[in-house]
Amino acid sequence: MDNNPWQRAQAQLKSAASHIELDPLTLLRLENPDRIVEVSLPMKMDDGSVQSV
């Protein structure tokens, strides 16, 4: 499996949907969100440097 978090989440969603017999329109809605929130957190590393993760 690919190491892309988004693709892993999509695969897990499809797998779960097949187990619970999720309505195809509901699955389509979950697969294509209207909004995505991204954040960046500055983290102080052990060596004193700051990196955004």
PDB file of N, CA and C in Angstrom:
ATOM      1  N   MET A   1       0.848  -1.181   0.000  1.00  0.00           N
ATOM      2  CA  MET A   1       0.000   0.000   0.000  1.00  0.00           C
ATOM      3  C   MET A   1       0.889   1.237   0.000  1.00  0.00           C
ATOM      4  N   ASP A   2       0.399   2.288  -0.614  1.00  0.00           N
ATOM      5  CA  ASP A   2       1.134   3.536  -0.701  1.00  0.00           C
ATOM      6  C   ASP A   2       1.282   4.167   0.684  1.00  0.00           C
ATOM      7  N   ASN A   3       2.303   4.990   0.849  1.00  0.00           N
ATOM      8  CA  ASN A   3       2.552   5.628   2.138  1.00  0.00           C
ATOM      9  C   ASN A   3       1.909   7.013   2.222  1.00  0.00           C
ATOM     10  N   ASN A   4       0.978   7.316   1.338  1.00  0.00           N
ATOM     11  CA  ASN A   4       0.283   8.591   1.337  1.00  0.00           C
ATOM     12  C   ASN A   4      -0.888   8.511   2.321  1.00  0.00           C
ATOM     13  N   PRO A   5      -0.907   9.374   3.353  1.00  0.00           N
ATOM     14  CA  PRO A   5      -1.981   9.297   4.364  1.00  0.00           C
ATOM     15  C   PRO A   5      -3.385   9.460   3.775  1.00  0.00           C
ATOM     16  N   TRP A   6      -3.532  10.354   2.792  1.00  0.00           N
ATOM     17  CA  TRP A   6      -4.853  10.564   2.187  1.00  0.00           C
ATOM     18  C   TRP A   6      -5.326   9.298   1.477  1.00  0.00           C
ATOM     19  N   GLN A   7      -4.440   8.654   0.727  1.00  0.00           N
ATOM     20  CA  GLN A   7      -4.813   7.444   0.013  1.00  0.00           C
ATOM     21  C   GLN A   7      -5.098   6.295   0.974  1.00  0.00           C
ATOM     22  N   ARG A   8      -4.343   6.214   2.072  1.00  0.00           N
ATOM     23  CA  ARG A   8      -4.613   5.175   3.078  1.00  0.00           C
ATOM     24  C   ARG A   8      -5.978   5.391   3.705  1.00  0.00           C
ATOM     25  N   ALA A   9      -6.306   6.647   4.015  1.00  0.00           N
ATOM     26  CA  ALA A   9      -7.606   6.956   4.614  1.00  0.00           C
ATOM     27  C   ALA A   9      -8.741   6.612   3.649  1.00  0.00           C
ATOM     28  N   GLN A  10      -8.554   6.919   2.370  1.00  0.00           N
ATOM     29  CA  GLN A  10      -9.577   6.594   1.363  1.00  0.00           C
ATOM     30  C   GLN A  10      -9.786   5.076   1.281  1.00  0.00           C
ATOM     31  N   ALA A  11      -8.696   4.314   1.302  1.00  0.00           N
ATOM     32  CA  ALA A  11      -8.799   2.849   1.238  1.00  0.00           C
ATOM     33  C   ALA A  11      -9.512   2.299   2.466  1.00  0.00           C
ATOM     34  N   GLN A  12      -9.198   2.851   3.639  1.00  0.00           N
ATOM     35  CA  GLN A  12      -9.854   2.400   4.871  1.00  0.00           C
ATOM     36  C   GLN A  12     -11.340   2.739   4.845  1.00  0.00           C
ATOM     37  N   LEU A  13     -11.672   3.911   4.337  1.00  0.00           N
ATOM     38  CA  LEU A  13     -13.077   4.316   4.232  1.00  0.00           C
ATOM     39  C   LEU A  13     -13.845   3.363   3.325  1.00  0.00           C
ATOM     40  N   LYS A  14     -13.275   3.042   2.171  1.00  0.00           N
ATOM     41  CA  LYS A  14     -13.943   2.132   1.241  1.00  0.00           C
ATOM     42  C   LYS A  14     -14.105   0.744   1.844  1.00  0.00           C
ATOM     43  N   SER A  15     -13.094   0.292   2.566  1.00  0.00           N
ATOM     44  CA  SER A  15     -13.171  -1.017   3.206  1.00  0.00           C
ATOM     45  C   SER A  15     -14.279  -1.044   4.264  1.00  0.00           C
ATOM     46  N   ALA A  16     -14.302  -0.017   5.109  1.00  0.00           N
ATOM     47  CA  ALA A  16     -15.324   0.054   6.156  1.00  0.00           C
ATOM     48  C   ALA A  16     -16.718   0.163   5.543  1.00  0.00           C
ATOM     49  N   ALA A  17     -16.843   0.962   4.490  1.00  0.00           N
ATOM     50  CA  ALA A  17     -18.147   1.156   3.847  1.00  0.00           C
ATOM     51  C   ALA A  17     -18.684  -0.155   3.296  1.00  0.00           C
ATOM     52  N   SER A  18     -17.801  -0.999   2.771  1.00  0.00           N
ATOM     53  CA  SER A  18     -18.264  -2.278   2.223  1.00  0.00           C
ATOM     54  C   SER A  18     -18.737  -3.225   3.333  1.00  0.00           C
ATOM     55  N   HIS A  19     -18.142  -3.115   4.507  1.00  0.00           N
ATOM     56  CA  HIS A  19     -18.533  -3.983   5.621  1.00  0.00           C
ATOM     57  C   HIS A  19     -19.883  -3.587   6.228  1.00  0.00           C
ATOM     58  N   ILE A  20     -20.209  -2.305   6.177  1.00  0.00           N
ATOM     59  CA  ILE A  20     -21.465  -1.856   6.787  1.00  0.00           C
ATOM     60  C   ILE A  20     -22.543  -1.563   5.744  1.00  0.00           C
ATOM     61  N   GLU A  21     -22.238  -1.868   4.488  1.00  0.00           N
ATOM     62  CA  GLU A  21     -23.186  -1.644   3.400  1.00  0.00           C
ATOM     63  C   GLU A  21     -23.660  -0.189   3.365  1.00  0.00           C
ATOM     64  N   LEU A  22     -22.694   0.719   3.374  1.00  0.00           N
ATOM     65  CA  LEU A  22     -22.970   2.157   3.341  1.00  0.00           C
ATOM     66  C   LEU A  22     -23.575   2.539   1.999  1.00  0.00           C
ATOM     67  N   ASP A  23     -24.553   3.415   2.029  1.00  0.00           N
ATOM     68  CA  ASP A  23     -25.190   3.910   0.816  1.00  0.00           C
ATOM     69  C   ASP A  23     -24.124   4.532  -0.096  1.00  0.00           C
ATOM     70  N   PRO A  24     -24.128   4.189  -1.382  1.00  0.00           N
ATOM     71  CA  PRO A  24     -23.106   4.715  -2.301  1.00  0.00           C
ATOM     72  C   PRO A  24     -23.046   6.240  -2.359  1.00  0.00           C
ATOM     73  N   LEU A  25     -24.176   6.915  -2.239  1.00  0.00           N
ATOM     74  CA  LEU A  25     -24.165   8.380  -2.253  1.00  0.00           C
ATOM     75  C   LEU A  25     -23.513   8.949  -0.995  1.00  0.00           C
ATOM     76  N   THR A  26     -23.722   8.293   0.137  1.00  0.00           N
ATOM     77  CA  THR A  26     -23.081   8.723   1.376  1.00  0.00           C
ATOM     78  C   THR A  26     -21.573   8.518   1.278  1.00  0.00           C
ATOM     79  N   LEU A  27     -21.161   7.394   0.711  1.00  0.00           N
ATOM     80  CA  LEU A  27     -19.728   7.135   0.527  1.00  0.00           C
ATOM     81  C   LEU A  27     -19.110   8.190  -0.384  1.00  0.00           C
ATOM     82  N   LEU A  28     -19.791   8.525  -1.455  1.00  0.00           N
ATOM     83  CA  LEU A  28     -19.291   9.541  -2.373  1.00  0.00           C
ATOM     84  C   LEU A  28     -19.123  10.875  -1.658  1.00  0.00           C
ATOM     85  N   ARG A  29     -20.071  11.212  -0.812  1.00  0.00           N
ATOM     86  CA  ARG A  29     -20.005  12.468  -0.046  1.00  0.00           C
ATOM     87  C   ARG A  29     -18.820  12.462   0.912  1.00  0.00           C
ATOM     88  N   LEU A  30     -18.570  11.324   1.557  1.00  0.00           N
ATOM     89  CA  LEU A  30     -17.447  11.222   2.491  1.00  0.00           C
ATOM     90  C   LEU A  30     -16.096  11.231   1.769  1.00  0.00           C
ATOM     91  N   GLU A  31     -16.068  10.705   0.564  1.00  0.00           N
ATOM     92  CA  GLU A  31     -14.822  10.651  -0.203  1.00  0.00           C
ATOM     93  C   GLU A  31     -14.408  12.016  -0.754  1.00  0.00           C
ATOM     94  N   ASN A  32     -15.357  12.925  -0.904  1.00  0.00           N
ATOM     95  CA  ASN A  32     -15.089  14.225  -1.520  1.00  0.00           C
ATOM     96  C   ASN A  32     -15.543  15.352  -0.595  1.00  0.00           C
ATOM     97  N   PRO A  33     -14.743  15.705   0.387  1.00  0.00           N
ATOM     98  CA  PRO A  33     -15.152  16.740   1.344  1.00  0.00           C
ATOM     99  C   PRO A  33     -15.254  18.120   0.693  1.00  0.00           C
ATOM    100  N   ASP A  34     -16.113  18.970   1.254  1.00  0.00           N
ATOM    101  CA  ASP A  34     -16.253  20.343   0.774  1.00  0.00           C
ATOM    102  C   ASP A  34     -15.071  21.202   1.207  1.00  0.00           C
ATOM    103  N   ARG A  35     -14.552  20.907   2.396  1.00  0.00           N
ATOM    104  CA  ARG A  35     -13.471  21.715   2.956  1.00  0.00           C
ATOM    105  C   ARG A  35     -12.413  20.809   3.560  1.00  0.00           C
ATOM    106  N   ILE A  36     -11.196  21.308   3.544  1.00  0.00           N
ATOM    107  CA  ILE A  36     -10.089  20.624   4.200  1.00  0.00           C
ATOM    108  C   ILE A  36      -9.374  21.661   5.054  1.00  0.00           C
ATOM    109  N   VAL A  37      -9.145  21.338   6.314  1.00  0.00           N
ATOM    110  CA  VAL A  37      -8.439  22.239   7.216  1.00  0.00           C
ATOM    111  C   VAL A  37      -7.018  21.713   7.394  1.00  0.00           C
ATOM    112  N   GLU A  38      -6.049  22.566   7.092  1.00  0.00           N
ATOM    113  CA  GLU A  38      -4.652  22.202   7.265  1.00  0.00           C
ATOM    114  C   GLU A  38      -4.039  23.140   8.286  1.00  0.00           C
ATOM    115  N   VAL A  39      -3.213  22.606   9.155  1.00  0.00           N
ATOM    116  CA  VAL A  39      -2.530  23.417  10.149  1.00  0.00           C
ATOM    117  C   VAL A  39      -1.037  23.115  10.117  1.00  0.00           C
ATOM    118  N   SER A  40      -0.266  24.058  10.596  1.00  0.00           N
ATOM    119  CA  SER A  40       1.171  23.883  10.709  1.00  0.00           C
ATOM    120  C   SER A  40       1.559  24.279  12.124  1.00  0.00           C
ATOM    121  N   LEU A  41       2.268  23.387  12.803  1.00  0.00           N
ATOM    122  CA  LEU A  41       2.648  23.638  14.191  1.00  0.00           C
ATOM    123  C   LEU A  41       4.160  23.760  14.301  1.00  0.00           C
ATOM    124  N   PRO A  42       4.644  24.894  14.799  1.00  0.00           N
ATOM    125  CA  PRO A  42       6.084  24.996  15.025  1.00  0.00           C
ATOM    126  C   PRO A  42       6.470  24.149  16.246  1.00  0.00           C
ATOM    127  N   MET A  43       7.464  23.292  16.071  1.00  0.00           N
ATOM    128  CA  MET A  43       7.904  22.408  17.146  1.00  0.00           C
ATOM    129  C   MET A  43       9.373  22.678  17.446  1.00  0.00           C
ATOM    130  N   LYS A  44       9.685  22.848  18.719  1.00  0.00           N
ATOM    131  CA  LYS A  44      11.076  23.025  19.113  1.00  0.00           C
ATOM    132  C   LYS A  44      11.714  21.641  19.232  1.00  0.00           C
ATOM    133  N   MET A  45      12.771  21.434  18.488  1.00  0.00           N
ATOM    134  CA  MET A  45      13.449  20.151  18.442  1.00  0.00           C
ATOM    135  C   MET A  45      14.457  20.049  19.597  1.00  0.00           C
ATOM    136  N   ASP A  46      14.943  18.845  19.843  1.00  0.00           N
ATOM    137  CA  ASP A  46      15.908  18.614  20.925  1.00  0.00           C
ATOM    138  C   ASP A  46      17.175  19.439  20.754  1.00  0.00           C
ATOM    139  N   ASP A  47      17.549  19.712  19.508  1.00  0.00           N
ATOM    140  CA  ASP A  47      18.776  20.477  19.269  1.00  0.00           C
ATOM    141  C   ASP A  47      18.553  21.981  19.339  1.00  0.00           C
ATOM    142  N   GLY A  48      17.333  22.415  19.680  1.00  0.00           N
ATOM    143  CA  GLY A  48      17.021  23.829  19.826  1.00  0.00           C
ATOM    144  C   GLY A  48      16.438  24.472  18.576  1.00  0.00           C
ATOM    145  N   SER A  49      16.512  23.805  17.456  1.00  0.00           N
ATOM    146  CA  SER A  49      15.959  24.362  16.225  1.00  0.00           C
ATOM    147  C   SER A  49      14.429  24.253  16.270  1.00  0.00           C
ATOM    148  N   VAL A  50      13.792  25.045  15.418  1.00  0.00           N
ATOM    149  CA  VAL A  50      12.335  25.025  15.323  1.00  0.00           C
ATOM    150  C   VAL A  50      11.961  24.570  13.927  1.00  0.00           C
ATOM    151  N   GLN A  51      11.075  23.577  13.842  1.00  0.00           N
ATOM    152  CA  GLN A  51      10.588  23.084  12.562  1.00  0.00           C
ATOM    153  C   GLN A  51       9.077  23.082  12.568  1.00  0.00           C
ATOM    154  N   SER A  52       8.490  23.388  11.431  1.00  0.00           N
ATOM    155  CA  SER A  52       7.036  23.327  11.293  1.00  0.00           C
ATOM    156  C   SER A  52       6.668  21.930  10.829  1.00  0.00           C
ATOM    157  N   VAL A  53       5.722  21.314  11.536  1.00  0.00           N
ATOM    158  CA  VAL A  53       5.273  19.977  11.180  1.00  0.00           C
ATOM    159  C   VAL A  53       3.782  19.977  10.966  1.00  0.00           C
TER     160      VAL A  53
END
